[in-house]
């Protein structure tokens, strides 16, 4: 059983496919970033991201999709792109009846690094340790996606909790 972590973004959408492993760790099966060209019109970028996310869901058939909860950002343009990418991920999971969990950045940092205000580098180091990776995961979007998957595993190590559309356990 897999958890698909998604760090949403229109230009860079991080993803990580993680399987539970003993002692609160995970095993990474895929880790990376889906990219869209900033010079393309937004509908084309969303279409490309839709296809890429759909392919990940087809290939790995996750039990849960763990997505970063949108929080207020000063840059409205970035916030809109993040919200659009997040909406795609949530809708694709719902269409497949895949459980969805959402976590705030501070929740993820707290679970993975032990500090809700942890720096990006701390999160990357802990993801490397918890997944047993030979190198620190880069770029940060991929590490953040892995941290989202690990956060869900910490909340539900046996993938028994079913979540509703809001991410609240039912």
N, C-alpha and C. Protein backbone atom coordinates (compact mmCIF):
# COMPACT_ATOMS: atom_id res chain seq x y z
N UNK A 1 0.84 -1.18 0.00
CA UNK A 1 0.00 0.00 0.00
C UNK A 1 0.88 1.24 0.00
N UNK A 2 0.47 2.22 -0.78
CA UNK A 2 1.27 3.43 -0.94
C UNK A 2 0.52 4.66 -0.48
N UNK A 3 1.30 5.66 -0.06
CA UNK A 3 0.79 7.01 0.16
C UNK A 3 1.46 7.87 -0.91
N UNK A 4 0.66 8.63 -1.63
CA UNK A 4 1.17 9.57 -2.60
C UNK A 4 1.15 10.95 -1.96
N UNK A 5 2.33 11.49 -1.69
CA UNK A 5 2.44 12.84 -1.15
C UNK A 5 2.54 13.82 -2.30
N UNK A 6 1.79 14.91 -2.20
CA UNK A 6 1.81 15.92 -3.26
C UNK A 6 2.00 17.30 -2.64
N UNK A 7 3.08 17.97 -3.07
CA UNK A 7 3.34 19.36 -2.71
C UNK A 7 2.90 20.18 -3.93
N UNK A 8 1.65 20.71 -3.91
CA UNK A 8 1.08 21.28 -5.12
C UNK A 8 1.75 22.57 -5.58
N UNK A 9 1.82 22.71 -6.87
CA UNK A 9 2.33 23.91 -7.50
C UNK A 9 2.09 23.81 -8.99
N UNK A 10 1.89 24.94 -9.64
CA UNK A 10 1.62 24.92 -11.08
C UNK A 10 2.91 24.79 -11.88
N UNK A 11 3.98 25.46 -11.46
CA UNK A 11 5.27 25.35 -12.15
C UNK A 11 6.02 24.10 -11.74
N UNK A 12 6.01 23.83 -10.42
CA UNK A 12 6.69 22.66 -9.86
C UNK A 12 5.75 22.00 -8.86
N UNK A 13 5.34 20.78 -9.14
CA UNK A 13 4.46 20.01 -8.26
C UNK A 13 5.26 18.81 -7.77
N UNK A 14 5.65 18.84 -6.50
CA UNK A 14 6.41 17.74 -5.94
C UNK A 14 5.54 16.52 -5.71
N UNK A 15 6.12 15.35 -5.88
CA UNK A 15 5.40 14.11 -5.61
C UNK A 15 6.34 13.09 -4.98
N UNK A 16 5.76 12.22 -4.16
CA UNK A 16 6.52 11.12 -3.57
C UNK A 16 5.57 9.96 -3.33
N UNK A 17 5.97 8.79 -3.74
CA UNK A 17 5.21 7.58 -3.50
C UNK A 17 5.97 6.80 -2.44
N UNK A 18 5.32 6.65 -1.27
CA UNK A 18 5.99 6.06 -0.11
C UNK A 18 5.16 4.89 0.41
N UNK A 19 5.88 3.83 0.74
CA UNK A 19 5.28 2.63 1.33
C UNK A 19 5.68 2.58 2.80
N UNK A 20 4.76 2.20 3.69
CA UNK A 20 5.13 2.10 5.11
C UNK A 20 6.25 1.09 5.31
N UNK A 21 7.13 1.38 6.26
CA UNK A 21 8.23 0.48 6.62
C UNK A 21 8.32 0.46 8.15
N UNK A 22 9.01 -0.50 8.72
CA UNK A 22 9.10 -0.62 10.18
C UNK A 22 9.69 0.62 10.85
N UNK A 23 9.36 0.80 12.11
CA UNK A 23 9.90 1.85 12.98
C UNK A 23 9.61 3.27 12.48
N UNK A 24 8.40 3.49 11.95
CA UNK A 24 7.99 4.82 11.55
C UNK A 24 8.69 5.37 10.33
N UNK A 25 9.33 4.50 9.62
CA UNK A 25 10.03 4.94 8.41
C UNK A 25 9.19 4.60 7.20
N UNK A 26 9.71 4.94 6.06
CA UNK A 26 9.02 4.64 4.81
C UNK A 26 10.02 4.17 3.78
N UNK A 27 9.48 3.65 2.70
CA UNK A 27 10.31 3.21 1.58
C UNK A 27 9.82 3.98 0.36
N UNK A 28 10.71 4.78 -0.24
CA UNK A 28 10.34 5.58 -1.41
C UNK A 28 10.35 4.73 -2.67
N UNK A 29 9.25 4.80 -3.40
CA UNK A 29 9.17 4.10 -4.68
C UNK A 29 9.30 5.07 -5.85
N UNK A 30 9.00 6.32 -5.61
CA UNK A 30 9.15 7.36 -6.62
C UNK A 30 9.22 8.69 -5.89
N UNK A 31 10.00 9.59 -6.44
CA UNK A 31 10.21 10.89 -5.81
C UNK A 31 10.64 11.85 -6.91
N UNK A 32 9.97 12.98 -7.02
CA UNK A 32 10.36 13.92 -8.06
C UNK A 32 9.47 15.13 -8.13
N UNK A 33 9.54 15.81 -9.27
CA UNK A 33 8.78 17.03 -9.49
C UNK A 33 8.17 16.99 -10.88
N UNK A 34 6.89 17.30 -10.94
CA UNK A 34 6.20 17.47 -12.22
C UNK A 34 6.31 18.95 -12.57
N UNK A 35 6.77 19.25 -13.77
CA UNK A 35 6.99 20.65 -14.16
C UNK A 35 6.11 21.03 -15.35
N UNK A 36 5.68 22.29 -15.34
CA UNK A 36 4.99 22.85 -16.50
C UNK A 36 5.72 24.12 -16.89
N UNK A 37 5.71 24.41 -18.17
CA UNK A 37 6.42 25.57 -18.69
C UNK A 37 5.64 26.86 -18.39
N UNK A 38 6.29 27.82 -17.74
CA UNK A 38 5.61 29.07 -17.37
C UNK A 38 5.12 29.88 -18.57
N UNK A 39 5.69 29.64 -19.76
CA UNK A 39 5.27 30.42 -20.92
C UNK A 39 4.01 29.86 -21.60
N UNK A 40 3.55 28.68 -21.15
CA UNK A 40 2.31 28.12 -21.70
C UNK A 40 1.10 28.76 -21.03
N UNK A 41 -0.04 28.80 -21.73
CA UNK A 41 -1.27 29.28 -21.09
C UNK A 41 -1.66 28.37 -19.92
N UNK A 42 -2.27 28.95 -18.90
CA UNK A 42 -2.64 28.20 -17.69
C UNK A 42 -3.48 26.97 -18.01
N UNK A 43 -4.49 27.04 -18.89
CA UNK A 43 -5.26 25.83 -19.17
C UNK A 43 -4.40 24.67 -19.69
N UNK A 44 -3.41 24.97 -20.54
CA UNK A 44 -2.52 23.92 -21.03
C UNK A 44 -1.65 23.35 -19.92
N UNK A 45 -1.19 24.23 -19.04
CA UNK A 45 -0.36 23.78 -17.92
C UNK A 45 -1.18 22.88 -17.00
N UNK A 46 -2.42 23.27 -16.73
CA UNK A 46 -3.29 22.45 -15.88
C UNK A 46 -3.59 21.11 -16.56
N UNK A 47 -3.78 21.14 -17.87
CA UNK A 47 -4.02 19.89 -18.61
C UNK A 47 -2.83 18.96 -18.51
N UNK A 48 -1.63 19.51 -18.64
CA UNK A 48 -0.41 18.70 -18.53
C UNK A 48 -0.27 18.13 -17.12
N UNK A 49 -0.50 18.97 -16.11
CA UNK A 49 -0.40 18.51 -14.72
C UNK A 49 -1.46 17.43 -14.44
N UNK A 50 -2.64 17.61 -14.99
CA UNK A 50 -3.71 16.62 -14.84
C UNK A 50 -3.26 15.27 -15.39
N UNK A 51 -2.70 15.27 -16.60
CA UNK A 51 -2.23 14.02 -17.21
C UNK A 51 -1.11 13.39 -16.38
N UNK A 52 -0.17 14.21 -15.92
CA UNK A 52 0.96 13.68 -15.14
C UNK A 52 0.49 13.08 -13.81
N UNK A 53 -0.40 13.76 -13.12
CA UNK A 53 -0.92 13.23 -11.85
C UNK A 53 -1.74 11.97 -12.09
N UNK A 54 -2.52 11.97 -13.16
CA UNK A 54 -3.32 10.79 -13.51
C UNK A 54 -2.41 9.58 -13.76
N UNK A 55 -1.28 9.81 -14.44
CA UNK A 55 -0.33 8.72 -14.69
C UNK A 55 0.26 8.18 -13.39
N UNK A 56 0.57 9.07 -12.44
CA UNK A 56 1.08 8.61 -11.14
C UNK A 56 0.04 7.76 -10.43
N UNK A 57 -1.20 8.21 -10.45
CA UNK A 57 -2.27 7.45 -9.80
C UNK A 57 -2.48 6.10 -10.48
N UNK A 58 -2.36 6.06 -11.81
CA UNK A 58 -2.49 4.79 -12.54
C UNK A 58 -1.35 3.84 -12.19
N UNK A 59 -0.14 4.38 -12.16
CA UNK A 59 1.04 3.53 -11.96
C UNK A 59 1.12 2.95 -10.56
N UNK A 60 0.79 3.74 -9.54
CA UNK A 60 1.02 3.31 -8.17
C UNK A 60 -0.24 2.95 -7.38
N UNK A 61 -1.40 3.35 -7.82
CA UNK A 61 -2.66 3.08 -7.14
C UNK A 61 -2.54 3.27 -5.62
N UNK A 62 -2.31 4.50 -5.18
CA UNK A 62 -2.13 4.74 -3.74
C UNK A 62 -3.41 4.50 -2.94
N UNK A 63 -3.24 4.16 -1.68
CA UNK A 63 -4.37 4.03 -0.76
C UNK A 63 -4.80 5.40 -0.27
N UNK A 64 -3.85 6.33 -0.20
CA UNK A 64 -4.11 7.68 0.32
C UNK A 64 -3.29 8.67 -0.49
N UNK A 65 -3.89 9.83 -0.73
CA UNK A 65 -3.17 10.96 -1.30
C UNK A 65 -3.08 12.01 -0.21
N UNK A 66 -1.85 12.38 0.14
CA UNK A 66 -1.59 13.37 1.19
C UNK A 66 -1.13 14.66 0.53
N UNK A 67 -1.93 15.72 0.70
CA UNK A 67 -1.72 16.98 -0.01
C UNK A 67 -1.52 18.10 1.00
N UNK A 68 -0.60 19.01 0.67
CA UNK A 68 -0.40 20.16 1.55
C UNK A 68 -1.64 21.04 1.53
N UNK A 69 -2.11 21.40 2.72
CA UNK A 69 -3.26 22.27 2.87
C UNK A 69 -2.83 23.69 2.48
N UNK A 70 -3.65 24.33 1.68
CA UNK A 70 -3.35 25.69 1.21
C UNK A 70 -3.43 26.65 2.39
N UNK A 71 -2.45 27.52 2.45
CA UNK A 71 -2.44 28.58 3.47
C UNK A 71 -2.24 29.90 2.76
N UNK A 72 -2.55 30.98 3.43
CA UNK A 72 -2.44 32.30 2.82
C UNK A 72 -1.00 32.60 2.42
N UNK A 73 -0.84 33.14 1.22
CA UNK A 73 0.48 33.56 0.74
C UNK A 73 0.39 35.01 0.31
N UNK A 74 1.48 35.73 0.43
CA UNK A 74 1.51 37.13 0.02
C UNK A 74 1.45 37.27 -1.50
N UNK A 75 2.02 36.33 -2.22
CA UNK A 75 2.04 36.39 -3.67
C UNK A 75 0.77 35.73 -4.20
N UNK A 76 -0.20 36.55 -4.61
CA UNK A 76 -1.50 36.04 -5.05
C UNK A 76 -1.34 35.13 -6.27
N UNK A 77 -0.46 35.49 -7.19
CA UNK A 77 -0.28 34.69 -8.40
C UNK A 77 0.19 33.28 -8.05
N UNK A 78 1.15 33.19 -7.13
CA UNK A 78 1.63 31.87 -6.68
C UNK A 78 0.53 31.12 -5.96
N UNK A 79 -0.22 31.82 -5.11
CA UNK A 79 -1.29 31.17 -4.35
C UNK A 79 -2.35 30.58 -5.28
N UNK A 80 -2.67 31.28 -6.35
CA UNK A 80 -3.68 30.78 -7.29
C UNK A 80 -3.17 29.51 -7.97
N UNK A 81 -1.93 29.51 -8.42
CA UNK A 81 -1.37 28.32 -9.05
C UNK A 81 -1.32 27.13 -8.11
N UNK A 82 -0.94 27.37 -6.85
CA UNK A 82 -0.91 26.31 -5.85
C UNK A 82 -2.32 25.77 -5.62
N UNK A 83 -3.28 26.67 -5.52
CA UNK A 83 -4.67 26.25 -5.30
C UNK A 83 -5.20 25.44 -6.48
N UNK A 84 -4.86 25.86 -7.70
CA UNK A 84 -5.30 25.12 -8.88
C UNK A 84 -4.70 23.72 -8.91
N UNK A 85 -3.41 23.61 -8.63
CA UNK A 85 -2.75 22.30 -8.62
C UNK A 85 -3.30 21.43 -7.50
N UNK A 86 -3.55 22.02 -6.35
CA UNK A 86 -4.12 21.27 -5.23
C UNK A 86 -5.51 20.75 -5.59
N UNK A 87 -6.31 21.60 -6.20
CA UNK A 87 -7.65 21.19 -6.61
C UNK A 87 -7.62 20.01 -7.58
N UNK A 88 -6.67 20.05 -8.51
CA UNK A 88 -6.53 18.92 -9.44
C UNK A 88 -6.24 17.62 -8.70
N UNK A 89 -5.27 17.68 -7.79
CA UNK A 89 -4.89 16.48 -7.03
C UNK A 89 -6.06 15.96 -6.22
N UNK A 90 -6.78 16.85 -5.56
CA UNK A 90 -7.93 16.44 -4.74
C UNK A 90 -9.03 15.83 -5.60
N UNK A 91 -9.31 16.45 -6.74
CA UNK A 91 -10.37 15.96 -7.61
C UNK A 91 -10.01 14.61 -8.23
N UNK A 92 -8.76 14.46 -8.66
CA UNK A 92 -8.35 13.18 -9.25
C UNK A 92 -8.43 12.05 -8.22
N UNK A 93 -8.03 12.33 -6.99
CA UNK A 93 -8.14 11.31 -5.94
C UNK A 93 -9.60 10.98 -5.67
N UNK A 94 -10.43 12.00 -5.56
CA UNK A 94 -11.85 11.77 -5.28
C UNK A 94 -12.51 10.97 -6.40
N UNK A 95 -12.15 11.29 -7.65
CA UNK A 95 -12.73 10.56 -8.79
C UNK A 95 -12.42 9.08 -8.73
N UNK A 96 -11.29 8.74 -8.12
CA UNK A 96 -10.88 7.33 -8.00
C UNK A 96 -11.26 6.73 -6.65
N UNK A 97 -11.96 7.49 -5.83
CA UNK A 97 -12.35 7.05 -4.48
C UNK A 97 -11.13 6.73 -3.62
N UNK A 98 -10.05 7.48 -3.82
CA UNK A 98 -8.85 7.35 -3.01
C UNK A 98 -8.99 8.30 -1.83
N UNK A 99 -8.68 7.82 -0.63
CA UNK A 99 -8.75 8.66 0.56
C UNK A 99 -7.79 9.83 0.42
N UNK A 100 -8.18 10.97 0.99
CA UNK A 100 -7.37 12.19 0.93
C UNK A 100 -7.10 12.67 2.35
N UNK A 101 -5.86 13.06 2.60
CA UNK A 101 -5.48 13.69 3.86
C UNK A 101 -4.80 15.00 3.52
N UNK A 102 -5.09 16.03 4.30
CA UNK A 102 -4.46 17.32 4.09
C UNK A 102 -3.79 17.76 5.38
N UNK A 103 -2.57 18.28 5.24
CA UNK A 103 -1.80 18.73 6.39
C UNK A 103 -1.21 20.10 6.09
N UNK A 104 -1.16 20.94 7.11
CA UNK A 104 -0.54 22.25 6.95
C UNK A 104 0.98 22.10 6.95
N UNK A 105 1.69 23.07 6.39
CA UNK A 105 3.15 22.99 6.40
C UNK A 105 3.72 22.84 7.81
N UNK A 106 3.15 23.53 8.80
CA UNK A 106 3.68 23.41 10.16
C UNK A 106 3.41 22.04 10.76
N UNK A 107 2.27 21.41 10.43
CA UNK A 107 2.00 20.04 10.90
C UNK A 107 3.04 19.08 10.33
N UNK A 108 3.33 19.22 9.05
CA UNK A 108 4.28 18.33 8.39
C UNK A 108 5.66 18.50 9.01
N UNK A 109 6.10 19.75 9.16
CA UNK A 109 7.43 20.02 9.74
C UNK A 109 7.52 19.50 11.16
N UNK A 110 6.45 19.64 11.92
CA UNK A 110 6.44 19.17 13.30
C UNK A 110 6.58 17.66 13.37
N UNK A 111 5.86 16.94 12.52
CA UNK A 111 5.91 15.48 12.52
C UNK A 111 7.26 14.98 12.01
N UNK A 112 7.73 15.54 10.92
CA UNK A 112 8.93 15.01 10.27
C UNK A 112 10.22 15.48 10.92
N UNK A 113 10.26 16.77 11.30
CA UNK A 113 11.50 17.34 11.84
C UNK A 113 11.42 17.65 13.34
N UNK A 114 10.24 17.49 13.94
CA UNK A 114 10.10 17.76 15.37
C UNK A 114 9.96 19.23 15.71
N UNK A 115 9.79 20.09 14.69
CA UNK A 115 9.68 21.53 14.90
C UNK A 115 8.82 22.10 13.78
N UNK A 116 7.68 22.67 14.13
CA UNK A 116 6.76 23.24 13.15
C UNK A 116 7.33 24.40 12.37
N UNK A 117 8.46 24.93 12.82
CA UNK A 117 9.12 26.05 12.12
C UNK A 117 10.43 25.61 11.48
N UNK A 118 10.63 24.32 11.32
CA UNK A 118 11.89 23.79 10.78
C UNK A 118 12.20 24.39 9.41
N UNK A 119 13.49 24.57 9.16
CA UNK A 119 13.94 25.08 7.87
C UNK A 119 13.82 23.98 6.81
N UNK A 120 13.78 24.40 5.55
CA UNK A 120 13.69 23.44 4.44
C UNK A 120 14.78 22.38 4.51
N UNK A 121 16.00 22.81 4.85
CA UNK A 121 17.13 21.88 4.91
C UNK A 121 16.92 20.81 5.99
N UNK A 122 16.33 21.21 7.12
CA UNK A 122 16.06 20.23 8.19
C UNK A 122 15.05 19.20 7.71
N UNK A 123 14.03 19.66 7.01
CA UNK A 123 13.02 18.74 6.48
C UNK A 123 13.67 17.78 5.48
N UNK A 124 14.51 18.31 4.60
CA UNK A 124 15.18 17.46 3.61
C UNK A 124 16.06 16.42 4.30
N UNK A 125 16.79 16.82 5.34
CA UNK A 125 17.66 15.88 6.06
C UNK A 125 16.85 14.78 6.73
N UNK A 126 15.73 15.15 7.34
CA UNK A 126 14.90 14.15 8.01
C UNK A 126 14.22 13.21 7.01
N UNK A 127 13.82 13.74 5.87
CA UNK A 127 13.24 12.89 4.83
C UNK A 127 14.30 11.89 4.36
N UNK A 128 15.52 12.36 4.16
CA UNK A 128 16.61 11.47 3.76
C UNK A 128 16.79 10.35 4.79
N UNK A 129 16.81 10.72 6.06
CA UNK A 129 16.99 9.74 7.14
C UNK A 129 15.81 8.77 7.20
N UNK A 130 14.59 9.28 7.21
CA UNK A 130 13.41 8.44 7.38
C UNK A 130 13.14 7.52 6.19
N UNK A 131 13.60 7.94 5.01
CA UNK A 131 13.42 7.09 3.83
C UNK A 131 14.66 6.28 3.50
N UNK A 132 15.75 6.49 4.26
CA UNK A 132 16.98 5.75 4.01
C UNK A 132 17.59 6.05 2.66
N UNK A 133 17.50 7.32 2.23
CA UNK A 133 18.03 7.71 0.93
C UNK A 133 19.53 7.96 1.01
N UNK A 134 20.23 7.64 -0.04
CA UNK A 134 21.69 7.84 -0.08
C UNK A 134 22.04 9.32 -0.12
N UNK A 135 21.17 10.14 -0.71
CA UNK A 135 21.42 11.57 -0.82
C UNK A 135 20.19 12.34 -0.35
N UNK A 136 20.42 13.61 -0.01
CA UNK A 136 19.32 14.47 0.37
C UNK A 136 18.40 14.67 -0.83
N UNK A 137 17.10 14.50 -0.65
CA UNK A 137 16.18 14.66 -1.79
C UNK A 137 16.13 16.11 -2.27
N UNK A 138 16.26 16.28 -3.56
CA UNK A 138 16.19 17.60 -4.18
C UNK A 138 15.35 17.47 -5.44
N UNK A 139 14.68 18.51 -5.83
CA UNK A 139 14.55 19.80 -5.18
C UNK A 139 13.66 19.73 -3.94
N UNK A 140 13.54 20.87 -3.28
CA UNK A 140 12.77 20.92 -2.03
C UNK A 140 11.32 20.49 -2.23
N UNK A 141 10.76 20.71 -3.42
CA UNK A 141 9.37 20.32 -3.68
C UNK A 141 9.19 18.80 -3.56
N UNK A 142 10.17 18.03 -4.02
CA UNK A 142 10.12 16.57 -3.91
C UNK A 142 10.26 16.15 -2.45
N UNK A 143 11.17 16.80 -1.72
CA UNK A 143 11.33 16.49 -0.30
C UNK A 143 10.07 16.84 0.48
N UNK A 144 9.43 17.95 0.14
CA UNK A 144 8.19 18.34 0.82
C UNK A 144 7.08 17.32 0.55
N UNK A 145 7.01 16.81 -0.67
CA UNK A 145 6.01 15.78 -0.98
C UNK A 145 6.27 14.51 -0.18
N UNK A 146 7.54 14.13 -0.06
CA UNK A 146 7.88 12.95 0.74
C UNK A 146 7.54 13.20 2.21
N UNK A 147 7.77 14.42 2.69
CA UNK A 147 7.43 14.76 4.07
C UNK A 147 5.92 14.66 4.29
N UNK A 148 5.14 15.05 3.30
CA UNK A 148 3.68 14.93 3.41
C UNK A 148 3.26 13.46 3.52
N UNK A 149 3.88 12.59 2.72
CA UNK A 149 3.57 11.16 2.80
C UNK A 149 3.99 10.60 4.16
N UNK A 150 5.17 10.99 4.63
CA UNK A 150 5.64 10.52 5.95
C UNK A 150 4.76 11.04 7.08
N UNK A 151 4.28 12.26 6.94
CA UNK A 151 3.37 12.82 7.95
C UNK A 151 2.11 11.97 8.04
N UNK A 152 1.58 11.58 6.89
CA UNK A 152 0.39 10.74 6.93
C UNK A 152 0.68 9.38 7.55
N UNK A 153 1.82 8.81 7.21
CA UNK A 153 2.18 7.52 7.81
C UNK A 153 2.29 7.63 9.33
N UNK A 154 2.78 8.76 9.82
CA UNK A 154 2.88 8.96 11.28
C UNK A 154 1.50 9.06 11.91
N UNK A 155 0.55 9.62 11.19
CA UNK A 155 -0.81 9.73 11.70
C UNK A 155 -1.59 8.43 11.56
N UNK A 156 -1.22 7.64 10.57
CA UNK A 156 -1.95 6.41 10.28
C UNK A 156 -0.98 5.34 9.76
N UNK A 157 -0.15 4.78 10.64
CA UNK A 157 0.91 3.87 10.18
C UNK A 157 0.43 2.63 9.45
N UNK A 158 -0.81 2.23 9.65
CA UNK A 158 -1.31 1.02 8.98
C UNK A 158 -2.33 1.34 7.90
N UNK A 159 -2.44 2.64 7.59
CA UNK A 159 -3.38 3.09 6.56
C UNK A 159 -4.80 2.61 6.83
N UNK A 160 -5.17 2.59 8.11
CA UNK A 160 -6.51 2.13 8.46
C UNK A 160 -7.51 3.27 8.46
N UNK A 161 -7.07 4.50 8.73
CA UNK A 161 -7.99 5.62 8.83
C UNK A 161 -8.49 6.01 7.45
N UNK A 162 -9.78 6.11 7.35
CA UNK A 162 -10.40 6.60 6.11
C UNK A 162 -10.73 8.06 6.34
N UNK A 163 -10.38 8.93 5.40
CA UNK A 163 -10.68 10.34 5.57
C UNK A 163 -11.71 10.77 4.57
N UNK A 164 -12.49 11.73 4.98
CA UNK A 164 -13.48 12.31 4.08
C UNK A 164 -12.83 13.38 3.22
N UNK A 165 -13.63 14.04 2.41
CA UNK A 165 -13.10 15.04 1.50
C UNK A 165 -12.40 16.17 2.24
N UNK A 166 -12.79 16.44 3.46
CA UNK A 166 -12.18 17.54 4.22
C UNK A 166 -10.84 17.13 4.83
N UNK A 167 -10.51 15.84 4.78
CA UNK A 167 -9.28 15.38 5.40
C UNK A 167 -9.48 14.99 6.84
N UNK A 168 -10.69 15.13 7.37
CA UNK A 168 -10.98 14.80 8.75
C UNK A 168 -11.29 13.31 8.85
N UNK A 169 -10.67 12.59 9.80
CA UNK A 169 -10.98 11.16 9.94
C UNK A 169 -12.46 10.92 10.16
N UNK A 170 -12.97 9.89 9.52
CA UNK A 170 -14.39 9.55 9.69
C UNK A 170 -14.54 8.22 10.37
